PDB file of all heavy atoms in Angstrom:
ATOM      1  N   ARG A   1       6.247   1.400   1.623  1.00  0.00           N
ATOM      2  CA  ARG A   1       6.686   2.656   0.994  1.00  0.00           C
ATOM      3  C   ARG A   1       6.879   2.470  -0.512  1.00  0.00           C
ATOM      4  O   ARG A   1       6.534   3.346  -1.297  1.00  0.00           O
ATOM      5  CB  ARG A   1       7.973   3.165   1.651  1.00  0.00           C
ATOM      6  CG  ARG A   1       7.738   3.860   2.976  1.00  0.00           C
ATOM      7  CD  ARG A   1       8.987   4.549   3.515  1.00  0.00           C
ATOM      8  NE  ARG A   1      10.038   3.614   3.854  1.00  0.00           N
ATOM      9  CZ  ARG A   1      10.086   2.895   4.977  1.00  0.00           C
ATOM     10  NH1 ARG A   1       9.139   3.020   5.876  1.00  0.00           N
ATOM     11  NH2 ARG A   1      11.081   2.067   5.196  1.00  0.00           N
ATOM     12  N   GLN A   2       7.419   1.317  -0.893  1.00  0.00           N
ATOM     13  CA  GLN A   2       7.589   1.011  -2.322  1.00  0.00           C
ATOM     14  C   GLN A   2       6.236   0.972  -3.021  1.00  0.00           C
ATOM     15  O   GLN A   2       6.082   1.462  -4.138  1.00  0.00           O
ATOM     16  CB  GLN A   2       8.303  -0.340  -2.466  1.00  0.00           C
ATOM     17  CG  GLN A   2       8.530  -0.773  -3.881  1.00  0.00           C
ATOM     18  CD  GLN A   2       9.768  -0.146  -4.484  1.00  0.00           C
ATOM     19  OE1 GLN A   2      10.644   0.301  -3.771  1.00  0.00           O
ATOM     20  NE2 GLN A   2       9.818  -0.099  -5.796  1.00  0.00           N
ATOM     21  N   ALA A   3       5.220   0.395  -2.356  1.00  0.00           N
ATOM     22  CA  ALA A   3       3.887   0.261  -2.969  1.00  0.00           C
ATOM     23  C   ALA A   3       3.211   1.610  -3.182  1.00  0.00           C
ATOM     24  O   ALA A   3       2.384   1.737  -4.085  1.00  0.00           O
ATOM     25  CB  ALA A   3       2.999  -0.626  -2.101  1.00  0.00           C
ATOM     26  N   VAL A   4       3.536   2.605  -2.371  1.00  0.00           N
ATOM     27  CA  VAL A   4       2.869   3.909  -2.491  1.00  0.00           C
ATOM     28  C   VAL A   4       3.733   4.949  -3.204  1.00  0.00           C
ATOM     29  O   VAL A   4       3.265   6.062  -3.458  1.00  0.00           O
ATOM     30  CB  VAL A   4       2.417   4.455  -1.112  1.00  0.00           C
ATOM     31  CG1 VAL A   4       1.484   3.473  -0.436  1.00  0.00           C
ATOM     32  CG2 VAL A   4       3.590   4.796  -0.220  1.00  0.00           C
ATOM     33  N   ARG A   5       4.952   4.568  -3.548  1.00  0.00           N
ATOM     34  CA  ARG A   5       5.867   5.502  -4.212  1.00  0.00           C
ATOM     35  C   ARG A   5       5.235   6.038  -5.491  1.00  0.00           C
ATOM     36  O   ARG A   5       4.698   5.295  -6.303  1.00  0.00           O
ATOM     37  CB  ARG A   5       7.181   4.805  -4.530  1.00  0.00           C
ATOM     38  CG  ARG A   5       8.218   5.762  -5.121  1.00  0.00           C
ATOM     39  CD  ARG A   5       9.593   5.163  -5.164  1.00  0.00           C
ATOM     40  NE  ARG A   5      10.116   5.136  -3.797  1.00  0.00           N
ATOM     41  CZ  ARG A   5      10.673   4.076  -3.232  1.00  0.00           C
ATOM     42  NH1 ARG A   5      10.795   2.951  -3.891  1.00  0.00           N
ATOM     43  NH2 ARG A   5      11.115   4.137  -2.002  1.00  0.00           N
ATOM     44  N   GLY A   6       5.245   7.340  -5.608  1.00  0.00           N
ATOM     45  CA  GLY A   6       4.727   7.990  -6.810  1.00  0.00           C
ATOM     46  C   GLY A   6       3.240   8.282  -6.787  1.00  0.00           C
ATOM     47  O   GLY A   6       2.730   8.956  -7.680  1.00  0.00           O
ATOM     48  N   ILE A   7       2.518   7.807  -5.789  1.00  0.00           N
ATOM     49  CA  ILE A   7       1.082   8.072  -5.706  1.00  0.00           C
ATOM     50  C   ILE A   7       0.903   9.399  -4.963  1.00  0.00           C
ATOM     51  O   ILE A   7       1.310   9.532  -3.812  1.00  0.00           O
ATOM     52  CB  ILE A   7       0.329   6.937  -4.977  1.00  0.00           C
ATOM     53  CG1 ILE A   7       0.524   5.615  -5.714  1.00  0.00           C
ATOM     54  CG2 ILE A   7      -1.160   7.272  -4.856  1.00  0.00           C
ATOM     55  CD1 ILE A   7      -0.060   4.406  -4.996  1.00  0.00           C
ATOM     56  N   THR A   8       0.295  10.361  -5.628  1.00  0.00           N
ATOM     57  CA  THR A   8       0.170  11.690  -5.032  1.00  0.00           C
ATOM     58  C   THR A   8      -1.153  11.919  -4.304  1.00  0.00           C
ATOM     59  O   THR A   8      -1.223  12.758  -3.414  1.00  0.00           O
ATOM     60  CB  THR A   8       0.362  12.780  -6.106  1.00  0.00           C
ATOM     61  OG1 THR A   8      -0.594  12.566  -7.149  1.00  0.00           O
ATOM     62  CG2 THR A   8       1.777  12.740  -6.672  1.00  0.00           C
ATOM     63  N   ASP A   9      -2.189  11.196  -4.689  1.00  0.00           N
ATOM     64  CA  ASP A   9      -3.487  11.339  -4.024  1.00  0.00           C
ATOM     65  C   ASP A   9      -3.426  10.605  -2.677  1.00  0.00           C
ATOM     66  O   ASP A   9      -3.176   9.394  -2.647  1.00  0.00           O
ATOM     67  CB  ASP A   9      -4.597  10.747  -4.892  1.00  0.00           C
ATOM     68  CG  ASP A   9      -5.944  10.754  -4.175  1.00  0.00           C
ATOM     69  OD1 ASP A   9      -6.364  11.833  -3.710  1.00  0.00           O
ATOM     70  OD2 ASP A   9      -6.548   9.669  -4.067  1.00  0.00           O
ATOM     71  N   PRO A  10      -3.638  11.326  -1.550  1.00  0.00           N
ATOM     72  CA  PRO A  10      -3.515  10.691  -0.231  1.00  0.00           C
ATOM     73  C   PRO A  10      -4.432   9.487  -0.024  1.00  0.00           C
ATOM     74  O   PRO A  10      -4.022   8.482   0.554  1.00  0.00           O
ATOM     75  CB  PRO A  10      -3.867  11.813   0.751  1.00  0.00           C
ATOM     76  CG  PRO A  10      -3.589  13.082   0.015  1.00  0.00           C
ATOM     77  CD  PRO A  10      -3.896  12.772  -1.427  1.00  0.00           C
ATOM     78  N   ALA A  11      -5.668   9.555  -0.516  1.00  0.00           N
ATOM     79  CA  ALA A  11      -6.589   8.425  -0.352  1.00  0.00           C
ATOM     80  C   ALA A  11      -6.110   7.216  -1.166  1.00  0.00           C
ATOM     81  O   ALA A  11      -6.159   6.084  -0.690  1.00  0.00           O
ATOM     82  CB  ALA A  11      -8.006   8.817  -0.741  1.00  0.00           C
ATOM     83  N   ALA A  12      -5.634   7.471  -2.364  1.00  0.00           N
ATOM     84  CA  ALA A  12      -5.125   6.378  -3.202  1.00  0.00           C
ATOM     85  C   ALA A  12      -3.863   5.775  -2.580  1.00  0.00           C
ATOM     86  O   ALA A  12      -3.664   4.554  -2.610  1.00  0.00           O
ATOM     87  CB  ALA A  12      -4.839   6.875  -4.615  1.00  0.00           C
ATOM     88  N   ALA A  13      -3.025   6.615  -1.998  1.00  0.00           N
ATOM     89  CA  ALA A  13      -1.810   6.125  -1.332  1.00  0.00           C
ATOM     90  C   ALA A  13      -2.170   5.280  -0.113  1.00  0.00           C
ATOM     91  O   ALA A  13      -1.570   4.219   0.120  1.00  0.00           O
ATOM     92  CB  ALA A  13      -0.921   7.297  -0.923  1.00  0.00           C
ATOM     93  N   LEU A  14      -3.172   5.722   0.644  1.00  0.00           N
ATOM     94  CA  LEU A  14      -3.616   4.943   1.805  1.00  0.00           C
ATOM     95  C   LEU A  14      -4.131   3.577   1.349  1.00  0.00           C
ATOM     96  O   LEU A  14      -3.763   2.539   1.912  1.00  0.00           O
ATOM     97  CB  LEU A  14      -4.694   5.694   2.582  1.00  0.00           C
ATOM     98  CG  LEU A  14      -5.307   4.951   3.776  1.00  0.00           C
ATOM     99  CD1 LEU A  14      -4.250   4.614   4.811  1.00  0.00           C
ATOM    100  CD2 LEU A  14      -6.426   5.776   4.394  1.00  0.00           C
ATOM    101  N   ARG A  15      -4.962   3.573   0.317  1.00  0.00           N
ATOM    102  CA  ARG A  15      -5.487   2.301  -0.204  1.00  0.00           C
ATOM    103  C   ARG A  15      -4.349   1.385  -0.660  1.00  0.00           C
ATOM    104  O   ARG A  15      -4.325   0.196  -0.340  1.00  0.00           O
ATOM    105  CB  ARG A  15      -6.461   2.543  -1.361  1.00  0.00           C
ATOM    106  CG  ARG A  15      -7.870   2.867  -0.913  1.00  0.00           C
ATOM    107  CD  ARG A  15      -8.848   2.830  -2.070  1.00  0.00           C
ATOM    108  NE  ARG A  15      -8.570   3.817  -3.103  1.00  0.00           N
ATOM    109  CZ  ARG A  15      -8.957   5.095  -3.048  1.00  0.00           C
ATOM    110  NH1 ARG A  15      -9.651   5.540  -2.025  1.00  0.00           N
ATOM    111  NH2 ARG A  15      -8.652   5.924  -4.024  1.00  0.00           N
ATOM    112  N   ALA A  16      -3.408   1.935  -1.396  1.00  0.00           N
ATOM    113  CA  ALA A  16      -2.289   1.128  -1.897  1.00  0.00           C
ATOM    114  C   ALA A  16      -1.451   0.575  -0.746  1.00  0.00           C
ATOM    115  O   ALA A  16      -1.036  -0.596  -0.779  1.00  0.00           O
ATOM    116  CB  ALA A  16      -1.418   1.958  -2.833  1.00  0.00           C
ATOM    117  N   GLY A  17      -1.228   1.386   0.257  1.00  0.00           N
ATOM    118  CA  GLY A  17      -0.454   0.926   1.414  1.00  0.00           C
ATOM    119  C   GLY A  17      -1.167  -0.169   2.185  1.00  0.00           C
ATOM    120  O   GLY A  17      -0.556  -1.166   2.585  1.00  0.00           O
ATOM    121  N   VAL A  18      -2.469   0.011   2.375  1.00  0.00           N
ATOM    122  CA  VAL A  18      -3.258  -0.998   3.096  1.00  0.00           C
ATOM    123  C   VAL A  18      -3.293  -2.305   2.308  1.00  0.00           C
ATOM    124  O   VAL A  18      -3.109  -3.392   2.874  1.00  0.00           O
ATOM    125  CB  VAL A  18      -4.685  -0.484   3.383  1.00  0.00           C
ATOM    126  CG1 VAL A  18      -5.586  -1.614   3.859  1.00  0.00           C
ATOM    127  CG2 VAL A  18      -4.643   0.628   4.419  1.00  0.00           C
ATOM    128  N   LEU A  19      -3.493  -2.223   1.016  1.00  0.00           N
ATOM    129  CA  LEU A  19      -3.539  -3.439   0.202  1.00  0.00           C
ATOM    130  C   LEU A  19      -2.174  -4.131   0.161  1.00  0.00           C
ATOM    131  O   LEU A  19      -2.088  -5.366   0.149  1.00  0.00           O
ATOM    132  CB  LEU A  19      -4.051  -3.135  -1.193  1.00  0.00           C
ATOM    133  CG  LEU A  19      -5.518  -2.671  -1.225  1.00  0.00           C
ATOM    134  CD1 LEU A  19      -5.933  -2.282  -2.630  1.00  0.00           C
ATOM    135  CD2 LEU A  19      -6.447  -3.723  -0.654  1.00  0.00           C
ATOM    136  N   ALA A  20      -1.105  -3.333   0.200  1.00  0.00           N
ATOM    137  CA  ALA A  20       0.240  -3.929   0.284  1.00  0.00           C
ATOM    138  C   ALA A  20       0.383  -4.698   1.599  1.00  0.00           C
ATOM    139  O   ALA A  20       0.906  -5.813   1.630  1.00  0.00           O
ATOM    140  CB  ALA A  20       1.310  -2.852   0.167  1.00  0.00           C
ATOM    141  N   TRP A  21      -0.112  -4.108   2.695  1.00  0.00           N
ATOM    142  CA  TRP A  21      -0.038  -4.784   3.993  1.00  0.00           C
ATOM    143  C   TRP A  21      -0.862  -6.070   3.979  1.00  0.00           C
ATOM    144  O   TRP A  21      -0.427  -7.090   4.497  1.00  0.00           O
ATOM    145  CB  TRP A  21      -0.485  -3.859   5.104  1.00  0.00           C
ATOM    146  CG  TRP A  21      -0.733  -4.571   6.411  1.00  0.00           C
ATOM    147  CD1 TRP A  21      -1.886  -4.591   7.116  1.00  0.00           C
ATOM    148  CD2 TRP A  21       0.183  -5.390   7.149  1.00  0.00           C
ATOM    149  NE1 TRP A  21      -1.751  -5.365   8.235  1.00  0.00           N
ATOM    150  CE2 TRP A  21      -0.478  -5.868   8.279  1.00  0.00           C
ATOM    151  CE3 TRP A  21       1.504  -5.780   6.944  1.00  0.00           C
ATOM    152  CZ2 TRP A  21       0.109  -6.708   9.217  1.00  0.00           C
ATOM    153  CZ3 TRP A  21       2.103  -6.616   7.876  1.00  0.00           C
ATOM    154  CH2 TRP A  21       1.411  -7.066   8.995  1.00  0.00           C
ATOM    155  N   ILE A  22      -2.038  -6.026   3.370  1.00  0.00           N
ATOM    156  CA  ILE A  22      -2.885  -7.222   3.289  1.00  0.00           C
ATOM    157  C   ILE A  22      -2.109  -8.344   2.585  1.00  0.00           C
ATOM    158  O   ILE A  22      -2.107  -9.491   3.036  1.00  0.00           O
ATOM    159  CB  ILE A  22      -4.202  -6.933   2.532  1.00  0.00           C
ATOM    160  CG1 ILE A  22      -5.068  -5.929   3.288  1.00  0.00           C
ATOM    161  CG2 ILE A  22      -4.972  -8.217   2.239  1.00  0.00           C
ATOM    162  CD1 ILE A  22      -5.628  -6.414   4.594  1.00  0.00           C
ATOM    163  N   SER A  23      -1.438  -8.010   1.503  1.00  0.00           N
ATOM    164  CA  SER A  23      -0.648  -9.009   0.783  1.00  0.00           C
ATOM    165  C   SER A  23       0.521  -9.500   1.626  1.00  0.00           C
ATOM    166  O   SER A  23       0.785 -10.703   1.692  1.00  0.00           O
ATOM    167  CB  SER A  23      -0.121  -8.434  -0.530  1.00  0.00           C
ATOM    168  OG  SER A  23      -1.191  -8.205  -1.407  1.00  0.00           O
ATOM    169  N   LEU A  24       1.223  -8.588   2.276  1.00  0.00           N
ATOM    170  CA  LEU A  24       2.369  -8.974   3.106  1.00  0.00           C
ATOM    171  C   LEU A  24       1.953  -9.839   4.288  1.00  0.00           C
ATOM    172  O   LEU A  24       2.682 -10.753   4.681  1.00  0.00           O
ATOM    173  CB  LEU A  24       3.091  -7.719   3.621  1.00  0.00           C
ATOM    174  CG  LEU A  24       3.837  -6.906   2.573  1.00  0.00           C
ATOM    175  CD1 LEU A  24       4.253  -5.557   3.145  1.00  0.00           C
ATOM    176  CD2 LEU A  24       5.045  -7.677   2.062  1.00  0.00           C
ATOM    177  N   ALA A  25       0.792  -9.562   4.838  1.00  0.00           N
ATOM    178  CA  ALA A  25       0.333 -10.319   6.003  1.00  0.00           C
ATOM    179  C   ALA A  25       0.010 -11.765   5.661  1.00  0.00           C
ATOM    180  O   ALA A  25      -0.149 -12.595   6.555  1.00  0.00           O
ATOM    181  CB  ALA A  25      -0.881  -9.638   6.630  1.00  0.00           C
ATOM    182  N   GLY A  26      -0.054 -12.080   4.394  1.00  0.00           N
ATOM    183  CA  GLY A  26      -0.228 -13.467   3.990  1.00  0.00           C
ATOM    184  C   GLY A  26       1.040 -14.285   4.141  1.00  0.00           C
ATOM    185  O   GLY A  26       1.005 -15.512   4.102  1.00  0.00           O
ATOM    186  N   ASP A  27       2.163 -13.615   4.343  1.00  0.00           N
ATOM    187  CA  ASP A  27       3.444 -14.290   4.522  1.00  0.00           C
ATOM    188  C   ASP A  27       3.483 -14.934   5.911  1.00  0.00           C
ATOM    189  O   ASP A  27       3.318 -14.240   6.915  1.00  0.00           O
ATOM    190  CB  ASP A  27       4.567 -13.261   4.380  1.00  0.00           C
ATOM    191  CG  ASP A  27       5.948 -13.851   4.515  1.00  0.00           C
ATOM    192  OD1 ASP A  27       6.134 -14.853   5.243  1.00  0.00           O
ATOM    193  OD2 ASP A  27       6.873 -13.290   3.913  1.00  0.00           O
ATOM    194  N   PRO A  28       3.698 -16.244   5.997  1.00  0.00           N
ATOM    195  CA  PRO A  28       3.706 -16.917   7.303  1.00  0.00           C
ATOM    196  C   PRO A  28       4.737 -16.358   8.280  1.00  0.00           C
ATOM    197  O   PRO A  28       4.521 -16.379   9.493  1.00  0.00           O
ATOM    198  CB  PRO A  28       4.028 -18.378   6.954  1.00  0.00           C
ATOM    199  CG  PRO A  28       3.692 -18.528   5.523  1.00  0.00           C
ATOM    200  CD  PRO A  28       3.876 -17.174   4.890  1.00  0.00           C
TER     201      PRO A  28
END
């Protein structure tokens, strides 16, 4: 939610959220 805060375009918000998850999933 923090990664997508302030993004108004739904596609851009989806991309930002997915990329945030990709980064988080690197955490063991």
